[in-house]
Amino acid sequence: MLIIPIAHSKSVKEFPWVTITLIVVCIAVWFWTLSVHNRVQQRIEAAAQLLQSALQAAPEDTCTNEEQVWVAMVMDQWALPTCDLSGERTPDPLVEGALAELNDTIQQFPWIRLGYRPKFRTIETMFTSMFMHGGWLHLIGNMLFLWLAGTVLEDVWGRGKFFGLYLITGCAAVIGQHMLTPDSAVPLVGASGAISGLLGAILPSARNLEIRIFYFLWIFTFRFYTGTIMVHAWFAIPLWFAVQVFSLFFGTADGVSYMAHVSGFVAGLAAAWGANRLGWIDFPPPPPGTQPLFGRTKPNAKLPTFKRHHAD
């Protein structure tokens, strides 16, 4: 079964300049990443061949743990000899030079340079990682969610505060993942942590928000069902969050940073509550005779106009 959110019921009053700018920047960075990757790939091949020759010339040498990391990253593609980690060794000039060249070359990969690696953390990569992506599906999925969430929130928060919200929740997502894996050298990339924060920020003001979901269902490859349905945001967003929490604690290793999603979501929810308490934003008022579930509302506030859609 495949389900994809494709639209929401909120009418957008102001043109979402910040949302579109973020999307354009992420797409531009992705194409830049591809161009740099192709150039670095050629240098990697030459460095790997040099390392292979050096290791074959000194088969009795053993590798240190740090060297093994880089050998493992390229071993499958270039069939490098495995390293014995049973002990230390006397440095071999050829192997040392080849490893240094390989290390310097790998450092030029965009994901290594601009992704956030907890073991080699920097403030700069905490921000640059929000605009990096690991593949086409990663990029397209995140941009779809960014468009849907951004067009809802930018109207409510205003452009400046919305951009700040994006950066704050993105940093919170990175910090959460760092706390879970502080010694990891694997780069964290993607806008999904910040986008998770946007989903958290939507939740308190989603009283009348519905999300159009496209579904593709197949049963034993014999029958297929496709269409769209409208789902209330107060059902869809908590369900999505529950899946992230479940995957964090019980899921298998699939390369997805679920802790970043959970941390970003919680930060977005907290940011929305704090902004409401400070009077920066107002949540839609509850129906007459009921109490608001979240924060303060304007006594005479009017609900925004919503366009209601029906399932095809």
C-alpha atoms as a PDB file:
ATOM      1  CA  MET A   1       0.000   0.000   0.000  1.00  0.00           C
ATOM      2  CA  LEU A   2       1.270   3.437  -0.933  1.00  0.00           C
ATOM      3  CA  ILE A   3      -0.127   6.620   0.601  1.00  0.00           C
ATOM      4  CA  ILE A   4       1.080  10.125  -0.274  1.00  0.00           C
ATOM      5  CA  PRO A   5      -0.279  13.481   0.967  1.00  0.00           C
ATOM      6  CA  ILE A   6      -0.859  15.685  -2.055  1.00  0.00           C
ATOM      7  CA  ALA A   7      -2.924  18.692  -0.900  1.00  0.00           C
ATOM      8  CA  HIS A   8      -4.621  20.361   2.047  1.00  0.00           C
ATOM      9  CA  SER A   9      -7.881  22.210   2.550  1.00  0.00           C
ATOM     10  CA  LYS A  10      -6.519  25.565   3.728  1.00  0.00           C
ATOM     11  CA  SER A  11      -6.821  28.576   1.459  1.00  0.00           C
ATOM     12  CA  VAL A  12      -3.500  30.406   1.184  1.00  0.00           C
ATOM     13  CA  LYS A  13      -3.931  34.170   1.509  1.00  0.00           C
ATOM     14  CA  GLU A  14      -0.342  35.292   0.926  1.00  0.00           C
ATOM     15  CA  PHE A  15       2.079  34.004  -1.679  1.00  0.00           C
ATOM     16  CA  PRO A  16       4.432  31.550   0.140  1.00  0.00           C
ATOM     17  CA  TRP A  17       7.718  33.193  -0.816  1.00  0.00           C
ATOM     18  CA  VAL A  18       9.781  31.609   1.961  1.00  0.00           C
ATOM     19  CA  THR A  19       8.444  28.113   1.314  1.00  0.00           C
ATOM     20  CA  ILE A  20       9.172  28.364  -2.397  1.00  0.00           C
ATOM     21  CA  THR A  21      12.624  29.815  -1.725  1.00  0.00           C
ATOM     22  CA  LEU A  22      13.485  26.923   0.596  1.00  0.00           C
ATOM     23  CA  ILE A  23      12.341  24.438  -2.039  1.00  0.00           C
ATOM     24  CA  VAL A  24      14.357  26.158  -4.770  1.00  0.00           C
ATOM     25  CA  VAL A  25      17.469  26.244  -2.583  1.00  0.00           C
ATOM     26  CA  CYS A  26      17.162  22.545  -1.733  1.00  0.00           C
ATOM     27  CA  ILE A  27      16.747  21.637  -5.409  1.00  0.00           C
ATOM     28  CA  ALA A  28      19.670  23.855  -6.446  1.00  0.00           C
ATOM     29  CA  VAL A  29      21.890  22.335  -3.756  1.00  0.00           C
ATOM     30  CA  TRP A  30      20.914  18.861  -4.962  1.00  0.00           C
ATOM     31  CA  PHE A  31      22.001  19.569  -8.540  1.00  0.00           C
ATOM     32  CA  TRP A  32      25.215  21.130  -7.256  1.00  0.00           C
ATOM     33  CA  THR A  33      25.755  18.001  -5.168  1.00  0.00           C
ATOM     34  CA  LEU A  34      25.414  15.798  -8.239  1.00  0.00           C
ATOM     35  CA  SER A  35      27.932  17.829 -10.238  1.00  0.00           C
ATOM     36  CA  VAL A  36      30.513  17.821  -7.435  1.00  0.00           C
ATOM     37  CA  HIS A  37      29.913  14.130  -6.757  1.00  0.00           C
ATOM     38  CA  ASN A  38      30.760  13.192 -10.339  1.00  0.00           C
ATOM     39  CA  ARG A  39      34.057  15.089 -10.191  1.00  0.00           C
ATOM     40  CA  VAL A  40      35.043  13.663  -6.817  1.00  0.00           C
ATOM     41  CA  GLN A  41      34.089  10.153  -7.933  1.00  0.00           C
ATOM     42  CA  GLN A  42      36.848  10.175 -10.526  1.00  0.00           C
ATOM     43  CA  ARG A  43      39.399  11.243  -7.923  1.00  0.00           C
ATOM     44  CA  ILE A  44      38.140   8.538  -5.566  1.00  0.00           C
ATOM     45  CA  GLU A  45      38.762   5.870  -8.196  1.00  0.00           C
ATOM     46  CA  ALA A  46      42.353   6.996  -8.656  1.00  0.00           C
ATOM     47  CA  ALA A  47      42.971   7.192  -4.884  1.00  0.00           C
ATOM     48  CA  ALA A  48      41.406   3.758  -4.332  1.00  0.00           C
ATOM     49  CA  GLN A  49      43.587   2.182  -6.995  1.00  0.00           C
ATOM     50  CA  LEU A  50      46.636   3.774  -5.369  1.00  0.00           C
ATOM     51  CA  LEU A  51      45.621   2.367  -1.978  1.00  0.00           C
ATOM     52  CA  GLN A  52      44.989  -1.063  -3.481  1.00  0.00           C
ATOM     53  CA  SER A  53      48.468  -1.153  -4.968  1.00  0.00           C
ATOM     54  CA  ALA A  54      50.016  -0.019  -1.678  1.00  0.00           C
ATOM     55  CA  LEU A  55      48.193  -2.673   0.355  1.00  0.00           C
ATOM     56  CA  GLN A  56      49.095  -5.420  -2.083  1.00  0.00           C
ATOM     57  CA  ALA A  57      52.732  -4.376  -1.917  1.00  0.00           C
ATOM     58  CA  ALA A  58      52.689  -4.675   1.890  1.00  0.00           C
ATOM     59  CA  PRO A  59      50.270  -7.576   2.650  1.00  0.00           C
ATOM     60  CA  GLU A  60      51.727  -8.182   6.108  1.00  0.00           C
ATOM     61  CA  ASP A  61      50.694  -4.724   7.293  1.00  0.00           C
ATOM     62  CA  THR A  62      47.626  -4.279   9.445  1.00  0.00           C
ATOM     63  CA  CYS A  63      45.289  -1.306   9.490  1.00  0.00           C
ATOM     64  CA  THR A  64      44.222   0.844  12.382  1.00  0.00           C
ATOM     65  CA  ASN A  65      40.541   1.375  13.129  1.00  0.00           C
ATOM     66  CA  GLU A  66      40.464   4.799  11.491  1.00  0.00           C
ATOM     67  CA  GLU A  67      41.994   3.443   8.313  1.00  0.00           C
ATOM     68  CA  GLN A  68      39.542   0.561   8.252  1.00  0.00           C
ATOM     69  CA  VAL A  69      36.648   3.028   8.086  1.00  0.00           C
ATOM     70  CA  TRP A  70      37.832   4.477   4.788  1.00  0.00           C
ATOM     71  CA  VAL A  71      38.795   1.098   3.370  1.00  0.00           C
ATOM     72  CA  ALA A  72      35.310  -0.212   4.175  1.00  0.00           C
ATOM     73  CA  MET A  73      33.664   2.729   2.388  1.00  0.00           C
ATOM     74  CA  VAL A  74      35.280   1.835  -0.933  1.00  0.00           C
ATOM     75  CA  MET A  75      36.025  -1.878  -0.540  1.00  0.00           C
ATOM     76  CA  ASP A  76      32.862  -3.141  -2.215  1.00  0.00           C
ATOM     77  CA  GLN A  77      33.226  -0.975  -5.294  1.00  0.00           C
ATOM     78  CA  TRP A  78      36.947  -1.395  -5.865  1.00  0.00           C
ATOM     79  CA  ALA A  79      37.535  -4.795  -4.226  1.00  0.00           C
ATOM     80  CA  LEU A  80      40.248  -3.596  -1.873  1.00  0.00           C
ATOM     81  CA  PRO A  81      41.971  -6.166   0.358  1.00  0.00           C
ATOM     82  CA  THR A  82      40.510  -6.453   3.838  1.00  0.00           C
ATOM     83  CA  CYS A  83      42.521  -5.244   6.824  1.00  0.00           C
ATOM     84  CA  ASP A  84      43.439  -7.221   9.910  1.00  0.00           C
ATOM     85  CA  LEU A  85      42.530  -5.290  13.077  1.00  0.00           C
ATOM     86  CA  SER A  86      44.327  -7.711  15.410  1.00  0.00           C
ATOM     87  CA  GLY A  87      47.048  -5.262  16.340  1.00  0.00           C
ATOM     88  CA  GLU A  88      49.055  -2.151  15.596  1.00  0.00           C
ATOM     89  CA  ARG A  89      51.610  -2.006  12.824  1.00  0.00           C
ATOM     90  CA  THR A  90      54.656  -0.096  11.770  1.00  0.00           C
ATOM     91  CA  PRO A  91      53.464   2.627   9.406  1.00  0.00           C
ATOM     92  CA  ASP A  92      54.303   1.967   5.781  1.00  0.00           C
ATOM     93  CA  PRO A  93      55.039   5.165   3.802  1.00  0.00           C
ATOM     94  CA  LEU A  94      53.200   3.985   0.694  1.00  0.00           C
ATOM     95  CA  VAL A  95      50.117   2.857   2.615  1.00  0.00           C
ATOM     96  CA  GLU A  96      50.135   5.994   4.760  1.00  0.00           C
ATOM     97  CA  GLY A  97      50.323   8.213   1.716  1.00  0.00           C
ATOM     98  CA  ALA A  98      47.595   6.323  -0.128  1.00  0.00           C
ATOM     99  CA  LEU A  99      45.311   6.423   2.911  1.00  0.00           C
ATOM    100  CA  ALA A 100      45.929  10.149   3.347  1.00  0.00           C
ATOM    101  CA  GLU A 101      45.092  10.778  -0.301  1.00  0.00           C
ATOM    102  CA  LEU A 102      41.938   8.672  -0.059  1.00  0.00           C
ATOM    103  CA  ASN A 103      40.909  10.409   3.147  1.00  0.00           C
ATOM    104  CA  ASP A 104      41.427  13.879   1.673  1.00  0.00           C
ATOM    105  CA  THR A 105      39.468  12.933  -1.438  1.00  0.00           C
ATOM    106  CA  ILE A 106      36.532  11.440   0.468  1.00  0.00           C
ATOM    107  CA  GLN A 107      36.348  14.617   2.534  1.00  0.00           C
ATOM    108  CA  GLN A 108      35.427  16.469  -0.663  1.00  0.00           C
ATOM    109  CA  PHE A 109      32.168  14.561  -1.064  1.00  0.00           C
ATOM    110  CA  PRO A 110      29.338  17.079  -0.540  1.00  0.00           C
ATOM    111  CA  TRP A 111      27.593  14.838   2.001  1.00  0.00           C
ATOM    112  CA  ILE A 112      30.807  14.580   4.021  1.00  0.00           C
ATOM    113  CA  ARG A 113      31.580  18.302   3.790  1.00  0.00           C
ATOM    114  CA  LEU A 114      28.090  19.675   4.429  1.00  0.00           C
ATOM    115  CA  GLY A 115      26.271  16.859   6.226  1.00  0.00           C
ATOM    116  CA  TYR A 116      26.240  16.851  10.012  1.00  0.00           C
ATOM    117  CA  ARG A 117      28.488  14.144  11.474  1.00  0.00           C
ATOM    118  CA  PRO A 118      28.156  13.903  15.269  1.00  0.00           C
ATOM    119  CA  LYS A 119      31.731  12.717  15.719  1.00  0.00           C
ATOM    120  CA  PHE A 120      33.084  15.695  13.754  1.00  0.00           C
ATOM    121  CA  ARG A 121      30.359  18.178  14.626  1.00  0.00           C
ATOM    122  CA  THR A 122      30.435  21.820  13.534  1.00  0.00           C
ATOM    123  CA  ILE A 123      27.897  24.609  13.844  1.00  0.00           C
ATOM    124  CA  GLU A 124      28.004  25.231  10.096  1.00  0.00           C
ATOM    125  CA  THR A 125      27.000  21.699   9.135  1.00  0.00           C
ATOM    126  CA  MET A 126      24.120  21.828  11.590  1.00  0.00           C
ATOM    127  CA  PHE A 127      22.534  24.321   9.177  1.00  0.00           C
ATOM    128  CA  THR A 128      23.897  23.152   5.831  1.00  0.00           C
ATOM    129  CA  SER A 129      22.672  19.600   6.450  1.00  0.00           C
ATOM    130  CA  MET A 130      19.075  20.875   6.296  1.00  0.00           C
ATOM    131  CA  PHE A 131      19.490  21.592   2.580  1.00  0.00           C
ATOM    132  CA  MET A 132      21.296  18.381   1.588  1.00  0.00           C
ATOM    133  CA  HIS A 133      19.630  15.204   0.340  1.00  0.00           C
ATOM    134  CA  GLY A 134      20.791  11.683  -0.333  1.00  0.00           C
ATOM    135  CA  GLY A 135      18.781  10.820  -3.444  1.00  0.00           C
ATOM    136  CA  TRP A 136      15.974  11.764  -5.798  1.00  0.00           C
ATOM    137  CA  LEU A 137      13.224  10.117  -3.745  1.00  0.00           C
ATOM    138  CA  HIS A 138      14.585  11.710  -0.572  1.00  0.00           C
ATOM    139  CA  LEU A 139      14.480  15.133  -2.231  1.00  0.00           C
ATOM    140  CA  ILE A 140      11.059  14.772  -3.871  1.00  0.00           C
ATOM    141  CA  GLY A 141       9.404  13.418  -0.719  1.00  0.00           C
ATOM    142  CA  ASN A 142      10.805  16.167   1.474  1.00  0.00           C
ATOM    143  CA  MET A 143       9.903  18.924  -0.970  1.00  0.00           C
ATOM    144  CA  LEU A 144       6.322  17.667  -1.180  1.00  0.00           C
ATOM    145  CA  PHE A 145       5.972  17.721   2.604  1.00  0.00           C
ATOM    146  CA  LEU A 146       7.716  21.105   2.784  1.00  0.00           C
ATOM    147  CA  TRP A 147       5.270  22.559   0.264  1.00  0.00           C
ATOM    148  CA  LEU A 148       2.211  21.254   2.092  1.00  0.00           C
ATOM    149  CA  ALA A 149       3.394  22.245   5.578  1.00  0.00           C
ATOM    150  CA  GLY A 150       5.000  25.501   4.518  1.00  0.00           C
ATOM    151  CA  THR A 151       1.960  26.888   2.754  1.00  0.00           C
ATOM    152  CA  VAL A 152      -0.113  26.300   5.883  1.00  0.00           C
ATOM    153  CA  LEU A 153       2.326  27.799   8.374  1.00  0.00           C
ATOM    154  CA  GLU A 154       3.777  30.709   6.436  1.00  0.00           C
ATOM    155  CA  ASP A 155       0.303  32.228   6.268  1.00  0.00           C
ATOM    156  CA  VAL A 156      -0.162  31.914  10.041  1.00  0.00           C
ATOM    157  CA  TRP A 157       3.323  32.723  11.298  1.00  0.00           C
ATOM    158  CA  GLY A 158       4.433  35.299   8.758  1.00  0.00           C
ATOM    159  CA  ARG A 159       7.535  34.972   6.613  1.00  0.00           C
ATOM    160  CA  GLY A 160      10.213  35.942   9.125  1.00  0.00           C
ATOM    161  CA  LYS A 161       8.926  33.842  12.021  1.00  0.00           C
ATOM    162  CA  PHE A 162       8.237  30.923   9.693  1.00  0.00           C
ATOM    163  CA  PHE A 163      11.824  30.924   8.442  1.00  0.00           C
ATOM    164  CA  GLY A 164      13.054  31.065  12.028  1.00  0.00           C
ATOM    165  CA  LEU A 165      10.786  28.152  12.898  1.00  0.00           C
ATOM    166  CA  TYR A 166      12.276  26.110  10.054  1.00  0.00           C
ATOM    167  CA  LEU A 167      15.842  26.729  11.242  1.00  0.00           C
ATOM    168  CA  ILE A 168      15.067  26.170  14.946  1.00  0.00           C
ATOM    169  CA  THR A 169      13.269  22.879  14.431  1.00  0.00           C
ATOM    170  CA  GLY A 170      15.957  21.744  11.990  1.00  0.00           C
ATOM    171  CA  CYS A 171      18.638  22.406  14.609  1.00  0.00           C
ATOM    172  CA  ALA A 172      16.567  20.626  17.251  1.00  0.00           C
ATOM    173  CA  ALA A 173      16.328  17.594  14.968  1.00  0.00           C
ATOM    174  CA  VAL A 174      20.105  17.547  14.487  1.00  0.00           C
ATOM    175  CA  ILE A 175      20.718  17.888  18.232  1.00  0.00           C
ATOM    176  CA  GLY A 176      18.317  15.036  18.962  1.00  0.00           C
ATOM    177  CA  GLN A 177      20.098  12.726  16.531  1.00  0.00           C
ATOM    178  CA  HIS A 178      23.462  13.807  17.928  1.00  0.00           C
ATOM    179  CA  MET A 179      22.385  12.871  21.448  1.00  0.00           C
ATOM    180  CA  LEU A 180      21.360   9.419  20.226  1.00  0.00           C
ATOM    181  CA  THR A 181      24.535   8.704  18.226  1.00  0.00           C
ATOM    182  CA  PRO A 182      27.247  11.086  19.497  1.00  0.00           C
ATOM    183  CA  ASP A 183      30.136   9.021  18.087  1.00  0.00           C
ATOM    184  CA  SER A 184      28.699   8.431  14.624  1.00  0.00           C
ATOM    185  CA  ALA A 185      30.731   9.504  11.588  1.00  0.00           C
ATOM    186  CA  VAL A 186      27.794   8.944   9.215  1.00  0.00           C
ATOM    187  CA  PRO A 187      26.580  12.284   7.808  1.00  0.00           C
ATOM    188  CA  LEU A 188      23.052  13.394   8.624  1.00  0.00           C
ATOM    189  CA  VAL A 189      21.426  15.080   5.623  1.00  0.00           C
ATOM    190  CA  GLY A 190      17.952  16.161   4.641  1.00  0.00           C
ATOM    191  CA  ALA A 191      15.252  18.678   5.407  1.00  0.00           C
ATOM    192  CA  SER A 192      13.013  16.084   7.037  1.00  0.00           C
ATOM    193  CA  GLY A 193      13.982  17.067  10.589  1.00  0.00           C
ATOM    194  CA  ALA A 194      12.952  20.668   9.998  1.00  0.00           C
ATOM    195  CA  ILE A 195       9.833  19.564   8.117  1.00  0.00           C
ATOM    196  CA  SER A 196       8.901  17.300  11.020  1.00  0.00           C
ATOM    197  CA  GLY A 197       9.067  20.427  13.159  1.00  0.00           C
ATOM    198  CA  LEU A 198       6.667  22.168  10.802  1.00  0.00           C
ATOM    199  CA  LEU A 199       4.219  19.290  11.190  1.00  0.00           C
ATOM    200  CA  GLY A 200       4.469  19.630  14.959  1.00  0.00           C
ATOM    201  CA  ALA A 201       3.819  23.357  14.700  1.00  0.00           C
ATOM    202  CA  ILE A 202       0.756  22.766  12.529  1.00  0.00           C
ATOM    203  CA  LEU A 203      -0.935  20.441  14.984  1.00  0.00           C
ATOM    204  CA  PRO A 204      -2.277  23.021  17.528  1.00  0.00           C
ATOM    205  CA  SER A 205      -3.856  25.138  14.788  1.00  0.00           C
ATOM    206  CA  ALA A 206      -5.201  22.270  12.674  1.00  0.00           C
ATOM    207  CA  ARG A 207      -8.751  22.249  14.070  1.00  0.00           C
ATOM    208  CA  ASN A 208     -10.286  22.645  10.598  1.00  0.00           C
ATOM    209  CA  LEU A 209      -7.430  21.391   8.441  1.00  0.00           C
ATOM    210  CA  GLU A 210      -7.887  18.353   6.221  1.00  0.00           C
ATOM    211  CA  ILE A 211      -5.271  16.611   4.114  1.00  0.00           C
ATOM    212  CA  ARG A 212      -5.932  14.996   0.765  1.00  0.00           C
ATOM    213  CA  ILE A 213      -4.243  11.586   0.627  1.00  0.00           C
ATOM    214  CA  PHE A 214      -3.522   9.668  -2.569  1.00  0.00           C
ATOM    215  CA  TYR A 215      -3.567   5.909  -2.060  1.00  0.00           C
ATOM    216  CA  PHE A 216      -2.487   2.995  -4.191  1.00  0.00           C
ATOM    217  CA  LEU A 217      -3.584  -0.385  -2.830  1.00  0.00           C
ATOM    218  CA  TRP A 218      -2.850  -3.760  -4.338  1.00  0.00           C
ATOM    219  CA  ILE A 219      -4.042  -7.152  -3.165  1.00  0.00           C
ATOM    220  CA  PHE A 220      -1.872 -10.152  -4.076  1.00  0.00           C
ATOM    221  CA  THR A 221      -0.887  -8.340  -7.294  1.00  0.00           C
ATOM    222  CA  PHE A 222      -4.292  -9.176  -8.804  1.00  0.00           C
ATOM    223  CA  ARG A 223      -6.429  -6.163  -7.932  1.00  0.00           C
ATOM    224  CA  PHE A 224      -5.453  -2.536  -7.658  1.00  0.00           C
ATOM    225  CA  TYR A 225      -7.283   0.362  -6.041  1.00  0.00           C
ATOM    226  CA  THR A 226      -6.314   4.011  -6.423  1.00  0.00           C
ATOM    227  CA  GLY A 227      -7.945   7.267  -5.444  1.00  0.00           C
ATOM    228  CA  THR A 228      -7.854  10.098  -2.935  1.00  0.00           C
ATOM    229  CA  ILE A 229      -9.468  10.630   0.435  1.00  0.00           C
ATOM    230  CA  MET A 230      -9.651  13.570   2.834  1.00  0.00           C
ATOM    231  CA  VAL A 231      -8.215  12.913   6.307  1.00  0.00           C
ATOM    232  CA  HIS A 232      -8.359  15.329   9.229  1.00  0.00           C
ATOM    233  CA  ALA A 233      -4.946  16.670  10.218  1.00  0.00           C
ATOM    234  CA  TRP A 234      -5.586  15.842  13.874  1.00  0.00           C
ATOM    235  CA  PHE A 235      -5.691  12.194  12.815  1.00  0.00           C
ATOM    236  CA  ALA A 236      -3.030  12.122  10.082  1.00  0.00           C
ATOM    237  CA  ILE A 237      -0.263  14.073  11.837  1.00  0.00           C
ATOM    238  CA  PRO A 238      -0.378  12.204  15.200  1.00  0.00           C
ATOM    239  CA  LEU A 239      -0.520   8.928  13.276  1.00  0.00           C
ATOM    240  CA  TRP A 240       2.575   9.922  11.324  1.00  0.00           C
ATOM    241  CA  PHE A 241       4.333  10.881  14.575  1.00  0.00           C
ATOM    242  CA  ALA A 242       3.372   7.553  16.174  1.00  0.00           C
ATOM    243  CA  VAL A 243       4.947   5.713  13.233  1.00  0.00           C
ATOM    244  CA  GLN A 244       8.179   7.674  13.713  1.00  0.00           C
ATOM    245  CA  VAL A 245       8.285   6.857  17.427  1.00  0.00           C
ATOM    246  CA  PHE A 246       7.557   3.186  16.775  1.00  0.00           C
ATOM    247  CA  SER A 247      10.250   3.020  14.092  1.00  0.00           C
ATOM    248  CA  LEU A 248      12.732   4.708  16.429  1.00  0.00           C
ATOM    249  CA  PHE A 249      12.327   2.095  19.153  1.00  0.00           C
ATOM    250  CA  PHE A 250      11.324  -1.026  17.257  1.00  0.00           C
ATOM    251  CA  GLY A 251      12.252  -0.481  13.612  1.00  0.00           C
ATOM    252  CA  THR A 252      15.165  -2.019  11.748  1.00  0.00           C
ATOM    253  CA  ALA A 253      18.199  -0.076  10.569  1.00  0.00           C
ATOM    254  CA  ASP A 254      17.083   1.466   7.277  1.00  0.00           C
ATOM    255  CA  GLY A 255      19.207   4.618   7.121  1.00  0.00           C
ATOM    256  CA  VAL A 256      16.380   6.905   8.276  1.00  0.00           C
ATOM    257  CA  SER A 257      17.119   9.214  11.226  1.00  0.00           C
ATOM    258  CA  TYR A 258      13.872   8.697  13.127  1.00  0.00           C
ATOM    259  CA  MET A 259      15.274  10.461  16.186  1.00  0.00           C
ATOM    260  CA  ALA A 260      15.686  13.596  14.089  1.00  0.00           C
ATOM    261  CA  HIS A 261      12.040  13.351  13.029  1.00  0.00           C
ATOM    262  CA  VAL A 262      10.832  12.895  16.598  1.00  0.00           C
ATOM    263  CA  SER A 263      13.043  15.683  17.964  1.00  0.00           C
ATOM    264  CA  GLY A 264      12.035  18.100  15.240  1.00  0.00           C
ATOM    265  CA  PHE A 265       8.343  17.365  15.743  1.00  0.00           C
ATOM    266  CA  VAL A 266       8.503  17.926  19.504  1.00  0.00           C
ATOM    267  CA  ALA A 267      10.458  21.148  18.971  1.00  0.00           C
ATOM    268  CA  GLY A 268       7.861  22.404  16.483  1.00  0.00           C
ATOM    269  CA  LEU A 269       4.995  21.624  18.833  1.00  0.00           C
ATOM    270  CA  ALA A 270       6.788  23.400  21.689  1.00  0.00           C
ATOM    271  CA  ALA A 271       7.620  26.369  19.453  1.00  0.00           C
ATOM    272  CA  ALA A 272       3.980  26.755  18.414  1.00  0.00           C
ATOM    273  CA  TRP A 273       2.832  26.680  22.027  1.00  0.00           C
ATOM    274  CA  GLY A 274       5.518  29.179  23.055  1.00  0.00           C
ATOM    275  CA  ALA A 275       4.760  31.547  20.176  1.00  0.00           C
ATOM    276  CA  ASN A 276       1.083  31.422  21.094  1.00  0.00           C
ATOM    277  CA  ARG A 277       1.797  32.199  24.746  1.00  0.00           C
ATOM    278  CA  LEU A 278       3.943  35.150  23.690  1.00  0.00           C
ATOM    279  CA  GLY A 279       1.147  36.462  21.504  1.00  0.00           C
ATOM    280  CA  TRP A 280       3.030  35.984  18.245  1.00  0.00           C
ATOM    281  CA  ILE A 281       0.415  33.687  16.719  1.00  0.00           C
ATOM    282  CA  ASP A 282      -3.207  32.796  17.507  1.00  0.00           C
ATOM    283  CA  PHE A 283      -4.861  29.434  17.169  1.00  0.00           C
ATOM    284  CA  PRO A 284      -8.315  29.058  15.581  1.00  0.00           C
ATOM    285  CA  PRO A 285     -11.067  29.501  18.186  1.00  0.00           C
ATOM    286  CA  PRO A 286     -12.974  26.406  19.375  1.00  0.00           C
ATOM    287  CA  PRO A 287     -16.653  25.869  18.585  1.00  0.00           C
ATOM    288  CA  PRO A 288     -19.088  27.782  20.839  1.00  0.00           C
ATOM    289  CA  GLY A 289     -19.445  26.253  24.294  1.00  0.00           C
ATOM    290  CA  THR A 290     -16.106  24.374  24.219  1.00  0.00           C
ATOM    291  CA  GLN A 291     -12.667  25.116  25.592  1.00  0.00           C
ATOM    292  CA  PRO A 292      -9.545  25.436  23.435  1.00  0.00           C
ATOM    293  CA  LEU A 293      -7.271  22.414  23.494  1.00  0.00           C
ATOM    294  CA  PHE A 294      -4.123  24.424  22.912  1.00  0.00           C
ATOM    295  CA  GLY A 295      -3.164  27.873  24.212  1.00  0.00           C
ATOM    296  CA  ARG A 296      -4.915  31.150  23.627  1.00  0.00           C
ATOM    297  CA  THR A 297      -7.216  32.269  20.824  1.00  0.00           C
ATOM    298  CA  LYS A 298      -8.489  35.654  19.756  1.00  0.00           C
ATOM    299  CA  PRO A 299     -11.877  36.331  21.335  1.00  0.00           C
ATOM    300  CA  ASN A 300     -13.251  37.723  18.085  1.00  0.00           C
ATOM    301  CA  ALA A 301     -11.012  35.859  15.703  1.00  0.00           C
ATOM    302  CA  LYS A 302     -12.526  34.625  12.482  1.00  0.00           C
ATOM    303  CA  LEU A 303     -11.642  31.256  11.140  1.00  0.00           C
ATOM    304  CA  PRO A 304      -9.637  31.316   7.918  1.00  0.00           C
ATOM    305  CA  THR A 305     -11.476  30.402   4.760  1.00  0.00           C
ATOM    306  CA  PHE A 306     -11.064  26.762   3.803  1.00  0.00           C
ATOM    307  CA  LYS A 307     -11.673  25.181   0.454  1.00  0.00           C
ATOM    308  CA  ARG A 308     -13.281  21.834   0.993  1.00  0.00           C
ATOM    309  CA  HIS A 309     -12.504  19.008  -1.399  1.00  0.00           C
ATOM    310  CA  HIS A 310     -14.210  15.686  -1.825  1.00  0.00           C
ATOM    311  CA  ALA A 311     -12.714  12.360  -2.673  1.00  0.00           C
ATOM    312  CA  ASP A 312     -12.600  11.527  -6.339  1.00  0.00           C
END
